[in-house]
Protein backbone atom coordinates (compact mmCIF):
# COMPACT_ATOMS: atom_id res chain seq x y z
CA MET A 1 -24.75 75.21 -18.90
CA ALA A 2 -28.19 76.16 -18.40
CA GLU A 3 -29.02 79.65 -17.33
CA ARG A 4 -30.44 80.44 -13.96
CA TYR A 5 -34.07 81.72 -14.03
CA SER A 6 -36.41 82.78 -11.43
CA SER A 7 -39.63 84.38 -11.36
CA PHE A 8 -38.52 86.43 -8.50
CA ARG A 9 -36.74 89.72 -9.28
CA SER A 10 -33.97 89.93 -6.53
CA GLY A 11 -34.83 92.68 -4.33
CA SER A 12 -38.64 92.54 -5.06
CA LEU A 13 -41.29 92.30 -2.29
CA SER A 14 -42.14 88.63 -3.21
CA TRP A 15 -38.34 87.87 -3.27
CA LEU A 16 -37.90 89.49 0.29
CA LEU A 17 -40.77 87.88 1.93
CA GLN A 18 -40.06 84.33 0.84
CA ARG A 19 -36.54 84.72 2.41
CA VAL A 20 -37.88 86.27 5.61
CA THR A 21 -40.67 83.90 6.14
CA ALA A 22 -37.92 81.01 5.37
CA ALA A 23 -35.93 82.33 8.20
CA PHE A 24 -39.00 82.71 10.66
CA LEU A 25 -40.04 79.16 9.86
CA VAL A 26 -36.56 77.74 10.61
CA VAL A 27 -36.56 79.08 14.00
CA VAL A 28 -40.29 78.62 14.83
CA LEU A 29 -40.21 74.94 13.52
CA ALA A 30 -37.03 74.24 15.75
CA PHE A 31 -39.06 75.50 18.50
CA HIS A 32 -41.91 73.33 17.60
CA PHE A 33 -39.79 70.20 17.23
CA PHE A 34 -38.06 70.90 20.48
CA LEU A 35 -41.29 71.45 22.47
CA LEU A 36 -43.15 68.55 21.05
CA HIS A 37 -40.51 65.94 20.25
CA PHE A 38 -38.06 66.37 23.14
CA VAL A 39 -39.75 68.15 25.95
CA HIS A 40 -43.13 66.35 25.35
CA HIS A 41 -42.43 63.00 23.72
CA ALA A 42 -44.88 62.17 20.98
CA SER A 43 -46.76 59.49 23.13
CA GLU A 44 -47.25 62.31 25.73
CA VAL A 45 -48.86 64.71 23.35
CA THR A 46 -52.53 64.72 24.11
CA PHE A 47 -55.62 66.93 23.12
CA ALA A 48 -55.68 68.24 26.62
CA GLY A 49 -52.10 69.15 26.61
CA THR A 50 -52.47 71.04 23.32
CA THR A 51 -55.58 72.83 24.74
CA ALA A 52 -53.38 73.80 27.60
CA ARG A 53 -50.43 74.98 25.67
CA MET A 54 -52.92 76.96 23.37
CA GLU A 55 -54.36 78.80 26.16
CA GLN A 56 -50.89 80.57 26.99
CA TRP A 57 -51.16 83.65 24.91
CA GLY A 58 -47.44 83.67 23.85
CA TYR A 59 -47.92 79.95 22.65
CA LEU A 60 -51.17 80.72 20.73
CA ALA A 61 -49.57 83.85 19.03
CA THR A 62 -46.60 82.00 17.90
CA MET A 63 -48.63 79.00 16.49
CA ILE A 64 -50.95 81.43 14.70
CA LEU A 65 -47.72 83.51 13.32
CA PHE A 66 -46.41 79.97 12.39
CA LEU A 67 -49.64 78.94 10.35
CA ILE A 68 -49.92 82.25 8.56
CA THR A 69 -46.25 82.30 7.74
CA ALA A 70 -46.04 78.78 6.57
CA THR A 71 -49.29 79.29 4.63
CA PHE A 72 -47.67 82.24 2.78
CA HIS A 73 -44.39 80.59 2.19
CA GLY A 74 -45.97 77.53 0.76
CA VAL A 75 -48.38 79.42 -1.51
CA ASN A 76 -45.91 82.13 -2.54
CA GLY A 77 -43.37 79.29 -3.37
CA VAL A 78 -45.94 77.20 -5.57
CA TYR A 79 -47.03 80.33 -7.42
CA ALA A 80 -43.38 81.09 -8.12
CA ALA A 81 -42.65 77.62 -9.32
CA LEU A 82 -45.61 77.76 -11.62
CA LEU A 83 -44.26 81.09 -13.06
CA ASN A 84 -40.82 79.55 -13.45
CA GLN A 85 -42.44 76.77 -15.47
CA GLY A 86 -43.79 79.48 -17.79
CA LEU A 87 -47.26 80.23 -16.55
CA THR A 88 -48.65 83.45 -18.19
CA GLY A 89 -51.80 85.31 -19.21
CA THR A 90 -55.17 84.12 -18.18
CA LYS A 91 -53.93 81.03 -16.62
CA LYS A 92 -51.43 82.94 -14.45
CA THR A 93 -54.29 85.00 -13.25
CA ALA A 94 -56.52 82.32 -12.44
CA VAL A 95 -53.76 80.21 -10.41
CA LYS A 96 -53.00 83.16 -8.67
CA GLY A 97 -56.64 83.79 -7.64
CA VAL A 98 -57.04 79.99 -6.58
CA LEU A 99 -53.79 79.82 -4.87
CA ALA A 100 -54.88 83.27 -2.89
CA ILE A 101 -58.30 81.81 -1.98
CA ALA A 102 -56.98 78.66 -0.89
CA GLY A 103 -54.28 80.17 1.26
CA LEU A 104 -56.90 82.61 2.81
CA ALA A 105 -59.31 79.66 3.54
CA LEU A 106 -56.51 77.46 4.88
CA ALA A 107 -55.29 80.47 7.19
CA ALA A 108 -58.68 81.36 8.21
CA GLN A 109 -59.40 77.81 9.26
CA GLY A 110 -56.29 77.23 11.06
CA VAL A 111 -56.77 80.40 13.04
CA TYR A 112 -60.36 79.58 13.94
CA LEU A 113 -59.12 76.15 15.16
CA ALA A 114 -56.24 77.81 17.22
CA PHE A 115 -58.88 80.19 18.80
CA VAL A 116 -61.39 77.41 19.42
CA MET A 117 -58.47 75.13 21.11
CA SER A 118 -57.45 78.21 23.27
CA GLY A 119 -60.91 78.54 24.53
CA VAL A 120 -61.36 82.25 22.96
CA MET A 121 -64.06 80.98 21.04
């Protein structure tokens, strides 16, 4: 039987954050699906409705946290998967940098869009 291998040391900060963000994402994703698929059916979701929801500070904060958490969780998961495949040395450093820049750019663009849709900017 194959031995279990993980790039995350149990109890490390990356390990903990991956699990905390997963739990948060499950809750917020359930809220998101409930609101946008059961309360407001897909045919009723409009740009104006999205803008109106984003103008509510609680909703805006939740969606920004959702975006940042999902971005971190995804980037951290991809990085861990690559480490599990044996990524080391200079390639590891380069991939870490590229993923960090891509994650920050994605989060920044999403937060900017959320602020624009909320009327803050």
